[in-house]
Amino acid sequence: MRDLRVIEDAVREFQDRGGRFLEAVHVDGRRLQGEFAGLADTPNGRQLILKPPHGREIRLYFAMIRRLEG
């Protein structure tokens, strides 16, 4: 299993900077963009929540994130 601390550290750094918009690169290569809407703890793991400009919110498990940019 991948070390999820890298993603947790990137999210924490993003929050400390007061960032608003974030791009997450999914393990399958998709680039998902949106406004940072928060984090959620679920029984299956931690999720990052993004709100794109148009459309429904995106919830990504930390384990499915390859890289964060923002």
N, C-alpha and C. Protein backbone atom coordinates (compact mmCIF):
# COMPACT_ATOMS: atom_id res chain seq x y z
N MET A 1 0.84 -1.18 0.00
CA MET A 1 0.00 0.00 0.00
C MET A 1 0.89 1.25 0.00
N ARG A 2 0.46 2.25 -0.74
CA ARG A 2 1.21 3.50 -0.84
C ARG A 2 1.24 4.24 0.48
N ASP A 3 2.24 5.08 0.65
CA ASP A 3 2.34 5.90 1.85
C ASP A 3 1.45 7.12 1.66
N LEU A 4 0.34 7.16 2.38
CA LEU A 4 -0.64 8.24 2.22
C LEU A 4 -0.23 9.51 2.94
N ARG A 5 0.84 9.46 3.72
CA ARG A 5 1.30 10.66 4.41
C ARG A 5 1.72 11.75 3.43
N VAL A 6 2.18 11.37 2.26
CA VAL A 6 2.57 12.35 1.25
C VAL A 6 1.36 13.19 0.85
N ILE A 7 0.23 12.55 0.62
CA ILE A 7 -1.00 13.27 0.26
C ILE A 7 -1.49 14.09 1.44
N GLU A 8 -1.47 13.52 2.64
CA GLU A 8 -1.90 14.26 3.83
C GLU A 8 -1.05 15.50 4.03
N ASP A 9 0.26 15.39 3.86
CA ASP A 9 1.15 16.54 4.00
C ASP A 9 0.86 17.60 2.95
N ALA A 10 0.60 17.18 1.71
CA ALA A 10 0.29 18.12 0.64
C ALA A 10 -1.02 18.87 0.92
N VAL A 11 -2.02 18.17 1.43
CA VAL A 11 -3.29 18.81 1.77
C VAL A 11 -3.09 19.80 2.92
N ARG A 12 -2.34 19.40 3.92
CA ARG A 12 -2.08 20.28 5.07
C ARG A 12 -1.34 21.54 4.63
N GLU A 13 -0.34 21.39 3.76
CA GLU A 13 0.41 22.54 3.24
C GLU A 13 -0.51 23.46 2.45
N PHE A 14 -1.38 22.88 1.62
CA PHE A 14 -2.33 23.65 0.83
C PHE A 14 -3.25 24.46 1.75
N GLN A 15 -3.75 23.84 2.82
CA GLN A 15 -4.63 24.52 3.76
C GLN A 15 -3.88 25.63 4.50
N ASP A 16 -2.64 25.38 4.88
CA ASP A 16 -1.85 26.39 5.59
C ASP A 16 -1.60 27.61 4.73
N ARG A 17 -1.45 27.41 3.42
CA ARG A 17 -1.25 28.53 2.49
C ARG A 17 -2.54 29.28 2.22
N GLY A 18 -3.67 28.70 2.62
CA GLY A 18 -4.96 29.34 2.36
C GLY A 18 -5.39 29.16 0.92
N GLY A 19 -4.95 28.09 0.29
CA GLY A 19 -5.29 27.83 -1.10
C GLY A 19 -6.78 27.62 -1.30
N ARG A 20 -7.24 27.90 -2.50
CA ARG A 20 -8.67 27.77 -2.79
C ARG A 20 -8.95 26.71 -3.85
N PHE A 21 -8.20 26.74 -4.94
CA PHE A 21 -8.43 25.80 -6.03
C PHE A 21 -7.31 24.77 -6.08
N LEU A 22 -7.69 23.56 -6.41
CA LEU A 22 -6.77 22.43 -6.34
C LEU A 22 -6.99 21.53 -7.55
N GLU A 23 -5.91 20.91 -7.99
CA GLU A 23 -6.00 19.91 -9.04
C GLU A 23 -5.43 18.61 -8.49
N ALA A 24 -6.20 17.56 -8.61
CA ALA A 24 -5.76 16.24 -8.15
C ALA A 24 -5.57 15.35 -9.37
N VAL A 25 -4.45 14.67 -9.41
CA VAL A 25 -4.18 13.72 -10.49
C VAL A 25 -4.52 12.33 -9.95
N HIS A 26 -5.52 11.70 -10.56
CA HIS A 26 -6.00 10.38 -10.16
C HIS A 26 -4.98 9.33 -10.59
N VAL A 27 -4.97 8.19 -9.94
CA VAL A 27 -4.02 7.13 -10.30
C VAL A 27 -4.17 6.66 -11.74
N ASP A 28 -5.35 6.86 -12.34
CA ASP A 28 -5.53 6.46 -13.74
C ASP A 28 -5.16 7.58 -14.72
N GLY A 29 -4.64 8.71 -14.19
CA GLY A 29 -4.16 9.79 -15.05
C GLY A 29 -5.11 10.95 -15.23
N ARG A 30 -6.37 10.81 -14.84
CA ARG A 30 -7.32 11.92 -14.98
C ARG A 30 -6.91 13.09 -14.09
N ARG A 31 -7.11 14.30 -14.61
CA ARG A 31 -6.84 15.52 -13.84
C ARG A 31 -8.17 16.11 -13.43
N LEU A 32 -8.42 16.16 -12.14
CA LEU A 32 -9.69 16.64 -11.60
C LEU A 32 -9.44 17.96 -10.88
N GLN A 33 -10.20 18.99 -11.27
CA GLN A 33 -9.98 20.33 -10.73
C GLN A 33 -11.23 20.83 -10.04
N GLY A 34 -11.00 21.67 -9.04
CA GLY A 34 -12.13 22.28 -8.36
C GLY A 34 -11.70 23.07 -7.15
N GLU A 35 -12.68 23.70 -6.52
CA GLU A 35 -12.44 24.44 -5.29
C GLU A 35 -12.37 23.44 -4.14
N PHE A 36 -11.39 23.62 -3.28
CA PHE A 36 -11.24 22.74 -2.12
C PHE A 36 -12.46 22.93 -1.23
N ALA A 37 -13.19 21.83 -0.98
CA ALA A 37 -14.41 21.90 -0.17
C ALA A 37 -14.27 21.18 1.16
N GLY A 38 -13.15 20.52 1.39
CA GLY A 38 -12.95 19.88 2.69
C GLY A 38 -12.44 18.47 2.59
N LEU A 39 -12.44 17.83 3.75
CA LEU A 39 -12.00 16.45 3.89
C LEU A 39 -13.10 15.67 4.58
N ALA A 40 -13.15 14.38 4.31
CA ALA A 40 -14.14 13.51 4.96
C ALA A 40 -13.46 12.22 5.37
N ASP A 41 -13.75 11.79 6.58
CA ASP A 41 -13.26 10.50 7.05
C ASP A 41 -14.39 9.50 6.90
N THR A 42 -14.13 8.42 6.17
CA THR A 42 -15.14 7.38 5.94
C THR A 42 -14.59 6.05 6.44
N PRO A 43 -15.43 5.05 6.58
CA PRO A 43 -14.94 3.73 7.00
C PRO A 43 -13.90 3.15 6.04
N ASN A 44 -13.95 3.56 4.77
CA ASN A 44 -13.01 3.03 3.77
C ASN A 44 -11.76 3.88 3.60
N GLY A 45 -11.67 4.99 4.31
CA GLY A 45 -10.49 5.84 4.20
C GLY A 45 -10.86 7.30 4.10
N ARG A 46 -9.82 8.13 4.07
CA ARG A 46 -10.00 9.57 4.02
C ARG A 46 -10.27 10.03 2.58
N GLN A 47 -11.15 11.05 2.44
CA GLN A 47 -11.49 11.57 1.13
C GLN A 47 -11.19 13.06 1.04
N LEU A 48 -10.81 13.49 -0.14
CA LEU A 48 -10.65 14.89 -0.48
C LEU A 48 -11.91 15.28 -1.24
N ILE A 49 -12.50 16.43 -0.91
CA ILE A 49 -13.72 16.87 -1.57
C ILE A 49 -13.42 18.13 -2.38
N LEU A 50 -13.74 18.09 -3.67
CA LEU A 50 -13.57 19.23 -4.58
C LEU A 50 -14.92 19.62 -5.15
N LYS A 51 -15.12 20.92 -5.37
CA LYS A 51 -16.32 21.42 -6.02
C LYS A 51 -15.90 22.07 -7.34
N PRO A 52 -16.18 21.42 -8.46
CA PRO A 52 -15.84 22.02 -9.75
C PRO A 52 -16.78 23.21 -10.02
N PRO A 53 -16.38 24.11 -10.93
CA PRO A 53 -17.22 25.28 -11.22
C PRO A 53 -18.64 24.91 -11.65
N HIS A 54 -18.76 23.87 -12.44
CA HIS A 54 -20.07 23.42 -12.91
C HIS A 54 -20.14 21.92 -12.71
N GLY A 55 -21.11 21.48 -11.95
CA GLY A 55 -21.25 20.05 -11.75
C GLY A 55 -21.28 19.67 -10.28
N ARG A 56 -21.32 18.38 -10.06
CA ARG A 56 -21.42 17.82 -8.71
C ARG A 56 -20.06 17.77 -8.04
N GLU A 57 -20.08 17.69 -6.71
CA GLU A 57 -18.82 17.62 -5.98
C GLU A 57 -18.10 16.31 -6.31
N ILE A 58 -16.79 16.37 -6.22
CA ILE A 58 -15.93 15.22 -6.50
C ILE A 58 -15.34 14.77 -5.17
N ARG A 59 -15.44 13.48 -4.88
CA ARG A 59 -14.85 12.90 -3.67
C ARG A 59 -13.82 11.87 -4.10
N LEU A 60 -12.60 12.09 -3.66
CA LEU A 60 -11.50 11.19 -4.02
C LEU A 60 -10.87 10.61 -2.76
N TYR A 61 -10.76 9.29 -2.72
CA TYR A 61 -10.02 8.67 -1.63
C TYR A 61 -8.54 9.02 -1.78
N PHE A 62 -7.89 9.29 -0.66
CA PHE A 62 -6.46 9.61 -0.68
C PHE A 62 -5.68 8.54 -1.43
N ALA A 63 -6.06 7.28 -1.28
CA ALA A 63 -5.35 6.18 -1.93
C ALA A 63 -5.44 6.25 -3.46
N MET A 64 -6.39 7.00 -4.00
CA MET A 64 -6.58 7.10 -5.44
C MET A 64 -5.93 8.36 -6.03
N ILE A 65 -5.26 9.14 -5.19
CA ILE A 65 -4.62 10.38 -5.65
C ILE A 65 -3.15 10.11 -5.88
N ARG A 66 -2.70 10.39 -7.09
CA ARG A 66 -1.28 10.24 -7.41
C ARG A 66 -0.50 11.49 -7.01
N ARG A 67 -1.11 12.67 -7.28
CA ARG A 67 -0.40 13.93 -7.03
C ARG A 67 -1.42 15.05 -6.84
N LEU A 68 -1.07 16.05 -6.04
CA LEU A 68 -1.90 17.24 -5.86
C LEU A 68 -1.13 18.45 -6.35
N GLU A 69 -1.84 19.36 -7.00
CA GLU A 69 -1.24 20.61 -7.46
C GLU A 69 -2.21 21.72 -7.11
N GLY A 70 -1.66 22.82 -6.65
CA GLY A 70 -2.57 23.92 -6.33
C GLY A 70 -1.95 25.03 -5.59
